[in-house]
Amino acid sequence: MYRLVPRSAVAFVSFIVASHAFAADYPTGMRPSYPTNWDQSGDSGSLKFEFGLRYWLSRGSQSFSFAGDPISATDTSHILEAHLRIDDDLTKSYVKGLAGYSMLINGQGSTSSSSPAITDGKISYAGGDFGYLPFGDSKNGVAFGFLAGGQYWNDSPNIGRTDFAVASVGATVPNDATGRPILGGNSKPDDINIYALRLGVSGKADLGMFDITGEVAGVPYARINGVLGVSGLADQYDPVGKVTLAKSSETDLNGWGYGAMGELMVGVHPTDNLTVRVGGRAWYLQGVADSTFNTITVSDAVDTIPATPGFETPAKVVSSQHYISTANPFSLFRYGALLELTANF
């Protein structure tokens, strides 16, 4: 038994020596199965997400022209907005989207014949941009570059609704006690839609606890269409021939414009995953639009003004006409302060 212990010890020492000798002969240039930093490559952490809400206290103004009648409005709108931004530090690019809707609108409208108060309406928008920031350090520091995108914008404070006749050719309409036809009618609210192309520059500065983001985008082309509901046309009445010319449709807009949009925000990071920002934004657009509408002619050449009300002979719609007024100038301007609360992950 005592002889076994030394033999075991000699065998153990021999194994250790052999192992070291083998290790000395192992080729040092062989590549390991995984890189030593395989779990720290950083690619999986190149994406940064921001999602949050904004409150936009905006001041708006708009100006249109219809058949020589100037139509304008100024308003104060309280808008709630949701936004999302995804930055990719690896490619130095980002995508962002936003959507907003007015909660409260008030203001004052103006036409050649009235100054209606604005107590409701609609301001809404949605859009998205792709940005590329090749200059600077997009991960830590200052980076700037280019953006391209598009935006839908509806700017429709309710200036008022003007009635229009709905009778078609061949229809009969009653006369009132004075012999004038009673046309009745319908009306539609303002509904101004803009589809804008955005091209510009943007930048972002990461200052540790603070950050600054900004952009300036030109709008080289924007399509505008919709309804100018407040526009009207006074009935033209001939008491001798008892012929009335009346507007018989809403006023439709169709045109184009150009302008610019800008935004600047300053943020603070109370925690790693929360950002509070304040700043401002301004959008401006101008251009020209065609306005189109229909009229009807109502004739009652046989009847005379009755002596006894209630026994009037019905008048008849004898014809209709389509009108277009071209190259009417318009402008839209909306600006104001922004407050943002954003989660980062």
Protein backbone atom coordinates (compact mmCIF):
# COMPACT_ATOMS: atom_id res chain seq x y z
CA MET A 1 0.00 0.00 0.00
CA TYR A 2 2.83 2.39 0.84
CA ARG A 3 4.48 1.65 -2.51
CA LEU A 4 1.25 2.69 -4.36
CA VAL A 5 1.30 6.28 -3.06
CA PRO A 6 4.70 7.24 -4.57
CA ARG A 7 3.77 5.59 -7.87
CA SER A 8 0.49 7.60 -8.02
CA ALA A 9 2.33 10.80 -7.25
CA VAL A 10 4.88 10.09 -10.00
CA ALA A 11 2.06 9.41 -12.49
CA PHE A 12 0.23 12.65 -11.57
CA VAL A 13 3.42 14.74 -11.95
CA SER A 14 4.13 13.06 -15.30
CA PHE A 15 0.60 13.95 -16.53
CA ILE A 16 1.00 17.62 -15.55
CA VAL A 17 4.38 17.86 -17.31
CA ALA A 18 2.98 16.21 -20.45
CA SER A 19 0.04 18.58 -20.46
CA HIS A 20 2.31 21.61 -20.37
CA ALA A 21 4.43 20.18 -23.14
CA PHE A 22 1.36 19.63 -25.32
CA ALA A 23 0.16 23.13 -24.62
CA ALA A 24 3.53 24.49 -25.69
CA ASP A 25 3.20 22.68 -29.03
CA TYR A 26 -0.50 23.78 -29.64
CA PRO A 27 -0.70 26.10 -32.65
CA THR A 28 -1.34 29.61 -31.34
CA GLY A 29 -2.73 30.91 -34.64
CA MET A 30 -5.92 28.77 -34.57
CA ARG A 31 -9.12 30.92 -34.52
CA PRO A 32 -11.44 30.29 -31.56
CA SER A 33 -15.05 29.23 -32.14
CA TYR A 34 -16.43 32.70 -31.09
CA PRO A 35 -14.76 36.10 -31.01
CA THR A 36 -13.76 37.22 -27.55
CA ASN A 37 -16.12 40.20 -27.84
CA TRP A 38 -19.03 38.36 -29.53
CA ASP A 39 -21.50 39.59 -26.93
CA GLN A 40 -20.28 43.21 -27.09
CA SER A 41 -20.43 43.96 -30.80
CA GLY A 42 -22.86 46.86 -30.25
CA ASP A 43 -24.96 46.27 -33.40
CA SER A 44 -28.01 45.17 -31.44
CA GLY A 45 -27.92 48.41 -29.45
CA SER A 46 -27.67 50.82 -32.40
CA LEU A 47 -31.42 51.57 -32.44
CA LYS A 48 -32.90 54.22 -30.17
CA PHE A 49 -36.64 54.74 -29.82
CA GLU A 50 -38.56 57.82 -28.70
CA PHE A 51 -42.31 57.90 -28.24
CA GLY A 52 -44.32 60.65 -26.59
CA LEU A 53 -46.98 63.33 -26.57
CA ARG A 54 -46.85 67.03 -27.38
CA TYR A 55 -49.12 69.96 -26.66
CA TRP A 56 -49.08 72.67 -29.35
CA LEU A 57 -50.51 76.06 -28.44
CA SER A 58 -50.82 77.33 -32.00
CA ARG A 59 -51.85 80.59 -33.55
CA GLY A 60 -53.23 80.35 -37.07
CA SER A 61 -54.17 82.70 -39.88
CA GLN A 62 -55.50 82.06 -43.36
CA SER A 63 -56.52 84.14 -46.33
CA PHE A 64 -58.54 83.18 -49.42
CA SER A 65 -60.28 84.93 -52.27
CA PHE A 66 -63.57 83.93 -53.89
CA ALA A 67 -65.04 85.83 -56.84
CA GLY A 68 -63.30 88.97 -55.62
CA ASP A 69 -64.55 88.48 -52.05
CA PRO A 70 -61.67 88.32 -49.51
CA ILE A 71 -62.10 85.67 -46.82
CA SER A 72 -59.77 85.49 -43.82
CA ALA A 73 -59.55 84.07 -40.32
CA THR A 74 -57.32 84.11 -37.26
CA ASP A 75 -57.57 81.52 -34.51
CA THR A 76 -55.97 80.08 -31.41
CA SER A 77 -55.97 76.27 -31.37
CA HIS A 78 -54.99 73.80 -28.65
CA ILE A 79 -53.59 70.66 -30.30
CA LEU A 80 -52.64 67.28 -28.84
CA GLU A 81 -49.98 65.41 -30.82
CA ALA A 82 -48.38 61.95 -30.70
CA HIS A 83 -44.91 61.38 -32.15
CA LEU A 84 -42.42 58.55 -32.73
CA ARG A 85 -38.74 58.68 -33.69
CA ILE A 86 -36.29 55.81 -34.33
CA ASP A 87 -32.57 56.59 -34.61
CA ASP A 88 -30.05 54.11 -36.02
CA ASP A 89 -26.55 55.07 -34.88
CA LEU A 90 -25.00 52.42 -37.14
CA THR A 91 -26.32 54.00 -40.36
CA LYS A 92 -26.56 57.57 -39.00
CA SER A 93 -30.20 57.74 -40.06
CA TYR A 94 -33.63 58.13 -38.48
CA VAL A 95 -37.31 57.93 -39.26
CA LYS A 96 -40.01 59.86 -37.49
CA GLY A 97 -43.76 60.27 -37.61
CA LEU A 98 -46.33 62.53 -35.99
CA ALA A 99 -50.09 63.04 -35.86
CA GLY A 100 -52.10 65.79 -34.18
CA TYR A 101 -55.70 66.91 -33.70
CA SER A 102 -57.20 70.08 -32.26
CA MET A 103 -59.01 69.94 -28.92
CA LEU A 104 -60.29 73.54 -28.85
CA ILE A 105 -60.46 76.34 -31.44
CA ASN A 106 -61.57 79.94 -31.09
CA GLY A 107 -60.98 83.06 -33.14
CA GLN A 108 -62.47 85.52 -35.61
CA GLY A 109 -63.37 85.28 -39.27
CA SER A 110 -63.93 88.00 -41.84
CA THR A 111 -65.72 88.30 -45.19
CA SER A 112 -66.87 91.32 -47.18
CA SER A 113 -70.29 91.10 -45.51
CA SER A 114 -69.70 89.66 -42.02
CA SER A 115 -67.26 89.01 -39.19
CA PRO A 116 -68.28 85.64 -37.75
CA ALA A 117 -66.83 84.34 -34.49
CA ILE A 118 -64.91 81.05 -34.67
CA THR A 119 -65.92 78.63 -31.92
CA ASP A 120 -65.16 75.26 -33.51
CA GLY A 121 -63.66 73.61 -36.56
CA LYS A 122 -60.79 71.22 -37.17
CA ILE A 123 -57.01 71.36 -37.26
CA SER A 124 -55.38 68.00 -37.95
CA TYR A 125 -52.17 66.68 -39.49
CA ALA A 126 -50.10 63.54 -39.97
CA GLY A 127 -46.75 62.97 -41.62
CA GLY A 128 -43.37 61.31 -41.63
CA ASP A 129 -39.73 62.01 -42.50
CA PHE A 130 -36.58 60.06 -43.26
CA GLY A 131 -33.36 61.69 -42.11
CA TYR A 132 -29.68 61.07 -42.78
CA LEU A 133 -27.09 62.66 -40.48
CA PRO A 134 -23.68 62.01 -42.06
CA PHE A 135 -21.94 64.97 -40.43
CA GLY A 136 -20.77 64.74 -36.83
CA ASP A 137 -21.40 62.02 -34.29
CA SER A 138 -25.00 60.85 -34.11
CA LYS A 139 -24.32 58.64 -31.08
CA ASN A 140 -22.71 61.08 -28.68
CA GLY A 141 -22.34 64.71 -29.65
CA VAL A 142 -23.61 66.86 -32.49
CA ALA A 143 -24.89 65.46 -35.79
CA PHE A 144 -26.63 67.10 -38.72
CA GLY A 145 -27.73 66.25 -42.21
CA PHE A 146 -30.75 66.04 -44.49
CA LEU A 147 -34.42 65.08 -44.35
CA ALA A 148 -37.13 64.20 -46.84
CA GLY A 149 -40.77 63.44 -46.16
CA GLY A 150 -44.39 64.33 -46.63
CA GLN A 151 -47.23 65.74 -44.60
CA TYR A 152 -51.01 65.95 -44.65
CA TRP A 153 -52.44 69.09 -43.04
CA ASN A 154 -56.08 70.08 -42.60
CA ASP A 155 -56.55 73.70 -41.53
CA SER A 156 -60.29 74.30 -41.19
CA PRO A 157 -61.46 76.66 -38.45
CA ASN A 158 -65.21 77.09 -38.91
CA ILE A 159 -65.66 80.58 -40.39
CA GLY A 160 -69.31 79.89 -41.18
CA ARG A 161 -71.57 78.09 -43.65
CA THR A 162 -73.41 79.75 -46.52
CA ASP A 163 -76.58 78.18 -47.92
CA PHE A 164 -76.85 77.13 -51.54
CA ALA A 165 -79.84 75.88 -53.55
CA VAL A 166 -80.20 72.17 -54.27
CA ALA A 167 -82.93 72.20 -56.94
CA SER A 168 -82.09 70.56 -60.26
CA VAL A 169 -83.08 71.56 -63.78
CA GLY A 170 -86.77 70.88 -64.43
CA ALA A 171 -87.75 71.01 -60.76
CA THR A 172 -90.46 73.37 -59.49
CA VAL A 173 -90.07 75.53 -56.40
CA PRO A 174 -92.70 77.62 -54.59
CA ASN A 175 -92.76 81.40 -54.51
CA ASP A 176 -93.12 83.51 -51.41
CA ALA A 177 -95.74 86.23 -50.93
CA THR A 178 -93.66 88.73 -52.91
CA GLY A 179 -93.22 86.41 -55.87
CA ARG A 180 -89.65 85.36 -55.16
CA PRO A 181 -88.84 81.64 -55.44
CA ILE A 182 -88.19 79.81 -52.17
CA LEU A 183 -85.07 77.85 -52.97
CA GLY A 184 -84.18 76.37 -49.60
CA GLY A 185 -80.83 74.65 -49.72
CA ASN A 186 -77.90 73.04 -48.03
CA SER A 187 -74.50 74.09 -46.67
CA LYS A 188 -71.08 72.58 -46.00
CA PRO A 189 -68.36 73.52 -43.52
CA ASP A 190 -64.85 74.62 -44.44
CA ASP A 191 -62.59 71.67 -45.22
CA ILE A 192 -59.12 72.73 -46.41
CA ASN A 193 -56.72 69.85 -47.17
CA ILE A 194 -53.01 70.19 -47.92
CA TYR A 195 -50.60 67.47 -49.12
CA ALA A 196 -47.04 68.78 -48.82
CA LEU A 197 -43.61 67.53 -49.86
CA ARG A 198 -40.84 68.34 -47.34
CA LEU A 199 -37.10 68.66 -48.12
CA GLY A 200 -34.64 70.18 -45.71
CA VAL A 201 -31.94 69.89 -43.07
CA SER A 202 -32.04 68.67 -39.48
CA GLY A 203 -29.68 68.33 -36.56
CA LYS A 204 -29.39 66.96 -33.06
CA ALA A 205 -27.00 67.77 -30.20
CA ASP A 206 -26.59 65.39 -27.26
CA LEU A 207 -25.20 67.39 -24.33
CA GLY A 208 -25.54 64.76 -21.64
CA MET A 209 -28.37 65.89 -19.42
CA PHE A 210 -29.67 68.18 -22.17
CA ASP A 211 -30.32 67.90 -25.89
CA ILE A 212 -31.24 70.20 -28.76
CA THR A 213 -33.12 69.13 -31.89
CA GLY A 214 -34.05 71.28 -34.84
CA GLU A 215 -35.10 71.20 -38.46
CA VAL A 216 -35.83 73.55 -41.34
CA ALA A 217 -37.75 72.13 -44.29
CA GLY A 218 -38.75 73.76 -47.52
CA VAL A 219 -42.05 72.85 -49.15
CA PRO A 220 -41.30 73.00 -52.89
CA TYR A 221 -44.77 71.73 -53.78
CA ALA A 222 -48.05 71.30 -51.94
CA ARG A 223 -51.45 70.30 -53.30
CA ILE A 224 -54.50 72.03 -51.81
CA ASN A 225 -58.14 71.02 -52.24
CA GLY A 226 -61.37 70.99 -50.31
CA VAL A 227 -64.38 73.18 -49.60
CA LEU A 228 -64.58 76.87 -48.78
CA GLY A 229 -67.90 76.65 -46.97
CA VAL A 230 -68.26 80.30 -45.99
CA SER A 231 -68.09 81.53 -49.59
CA GLY A 232 -71.40 82.65 -50.99
CA LEU A 233 -73.04 84.40 -53.92
CA ALA A 234 -76.02 86.70 -53.50
CA ASP A 235 -79.12 85.73 -55.48
CA GLN A 236 -79.67 87.93 -58.53
CA TYR A 237 -83.39 88.69 -58.86
CA ASP A 238 -85.21 90.39 -61.75
CA PRO A 239 -88.67 91.42 -60.46
CA VAL A 240 -89.91 92.24 -63.97
CA GLY A 241 -89.15 88.94 -65.66
CA LYS A 242 -89.15 87.17 -62.28
CA VAL A 243 -85.87 85.41 -63.02
CA THR A 244 -83.50 84.40 -60.22
CA LEU A 245 -79.87 83.34 -60.54
CA ALA A 246 -78.73 81.42 -57.45
CA LYS A 247 -75.63 79.52 -56.33
CA SER A 248 -76.43 75.81 -56.30
CA SER A 249 -73.31 74.10 -54.88
CA GLU A 250 -70.52 74.50 -52.41
CA THR A 251 -67.31 76.23 -53.49
CA ASP A 252 -64.61 73.66 -54.26
CA LEU A 253 -60.93 74.55 -54.13
CA ASN A 254 -58.15 72.98 -56.19
CA GLY A 255 -54.67 74.44 -56.44
CA TRP A 256 -51.03 74.32 -55.42
CA GLY A 257 -48.60 76.17 -53.21
CA TYR A 258 -45.17 76.28 -51.63
CA GLY A 259 -43.68 77.38 -48.33
CA ALA A 260 -41.51 76.36 -45.39
CA MET A 261 -41.67 74.59 -42.02
CA GLY A 262 -39.36 74.86 -39.03
CA GLU A 263 -39.03 73.51 -35.50
CA LEU A 264 -36.60 73.91 -32.57
CA MET A 265 -36.75 71.96 -29.28
CA VAL A 266 -34.59 71.99 -26.12
CA GLY A 267 -34.83 68.93 -23.88
CA VAL A 268 -33.79 67.84 -20.42
CA HIS A 269 -33.41 64.23 -19.21
CA PRO A 270 -34.59 63.87 -15.59
CA THR A 271 -34.03 60.10 -15.93
CA ASP A 272 -32.36 57.85 -18.50
CA ASN A 273 -35.72 56.95 -20.03
CA LEU A 274 -37.58 60.26 -19.84
CA THR A 275 -37.19 63.51 -21.76
CA VAL A 276 -39.06 66.79 -21.32
CA ARG A 277 -38.73 69.29 -24.16
CA VAL A 278 -39.97 72.82 -24.87
CA GLY A 279 -39.71 74.75 -28.09
CA GLY A 280 -41.56 76.22 -31.01
CA ARG A 281 -42.80 75.44 -34.50
CA ALA A 282 -43.94 77.42 -37.55
CA TRP A 283 -45.58 76.36 -40.83
CA TYR A 284 -46.23 78.69 -43.77
CA LEU A 285 -47.80 78.05 -47.17
CA GLN A 286 -48.92 80.26 -50.03
CA GLY A 287 -50.09 79.72 -53.58
CA VAL A 288 -53.03 79.97 -55.95
CA ALA A 289 -56.22 77.92 -56.27
CA ASP A 290 -59.12 77.61 -58.65
CA SER A 291 -62.57 77.90 -57.09
CA THR A 292 -65.50 76.19 -58.80
CA PHE A 293 -69.24 76.27 -58.16
CA ASN A 294 -72.60 75.84 -59.90
CA THR A 295 -75.60 78.14 -60.38
CA ILE A 296 -79.22 77.64 -61.41
CA THR A 297 -81.64 79.94 -63.16
CA VAL A 298 -85.21 79.96 -61.85
CA SER A 299 -87.88 81.49 -64.11
CA ASP A 300 -91.53 82.38 -63.57
CA ALA A 301 -92.28 84.63 -66.56
CA VAL A 302 -96.02 83.80 -66.76
CA ASP A 303 -97.15 84.39 -63.20
CA THR A 304 -97.43 87.82 -61.65
CA ILE A 305 -97.06 88.73 -58.02
CA PRO A 306 -100.27 87.38 -56.43
CA ALA A 307 -102.54 89.55 -54.41
CA THR A 308 -103.38 86.79 -51.97
CA PRO A 309 -100.46 84.96 -50.31
CA GLY A 310 -100.69 81.19 -50.38
CA PHE A 311 -101.84 80.86 -53.97
CA GLU A 312 -98.51 81.43 -55.69
CA THR A 313 -97.78 79.54 -58.88
CA PRO A 314 -94.58 77.44 -58.52
CA ALA A 315 -91.47 78.67 -60.31
CA LYS A 316 -89.34 76.39 -62.44
CA VAL A 317 -85.59 75.72 -62.63
CA VAL A 318 -84.84 76.20 -66.31
CA SER A 319 -81.04 75.89 -66.56
CA SER A 320 -77.76 75.42 -64.70
CA GLN A 321 -74.26 76.74 -65.20
CA HIS A 322 -70.79 75.71 -63.99
CA TYR A 323 -68.34 78.48 -63.05
CA ILE A 324 -64.62 78.49 -62.38
CA SER A 325 -62.57 81.34 -60.95
CA THR A 326 -58.87 80.75 -61.60
CA ALA A 327 -55.63 81.67 -59.84
CA ASN A 328 -57.12 82.94 -56.58
CA PRO A 329 -54.29 83.66 -54.11
CA PHE A 330 -54.27 82.02 -50.69
CA SER A 331 -51.97 81.80 -47.67
CA LEU A 332 -51.83 79.74 -44.47
CA PHE A 333 -49.66 80.38 -41.43
CA ARG A 334 -49.59 78.41 -38.18
CA TYR A 335 -47.06 78.83 -35.39
CA GLY A 336 -46.75 78.47 -31.64
CA ALA A 337 -45.14 76.91 -28.57
CA LEU A 338 -44.59 73.19 -28.02
CA LEU A 339 -44.38 71.16 -24.80
CA GLU A 340 -43.24 67.53 -25.08
CA LEU A 341 -43.06 64.51 -22.78
CA THR A 342 -41.17 61.56 -24.30
CA ALA A 343 -40.11 58.06 -23.25
CA ASN A 344 -36.74 56.76 -24.48
CA PHE A 345 -35.85 53.09 -24.88
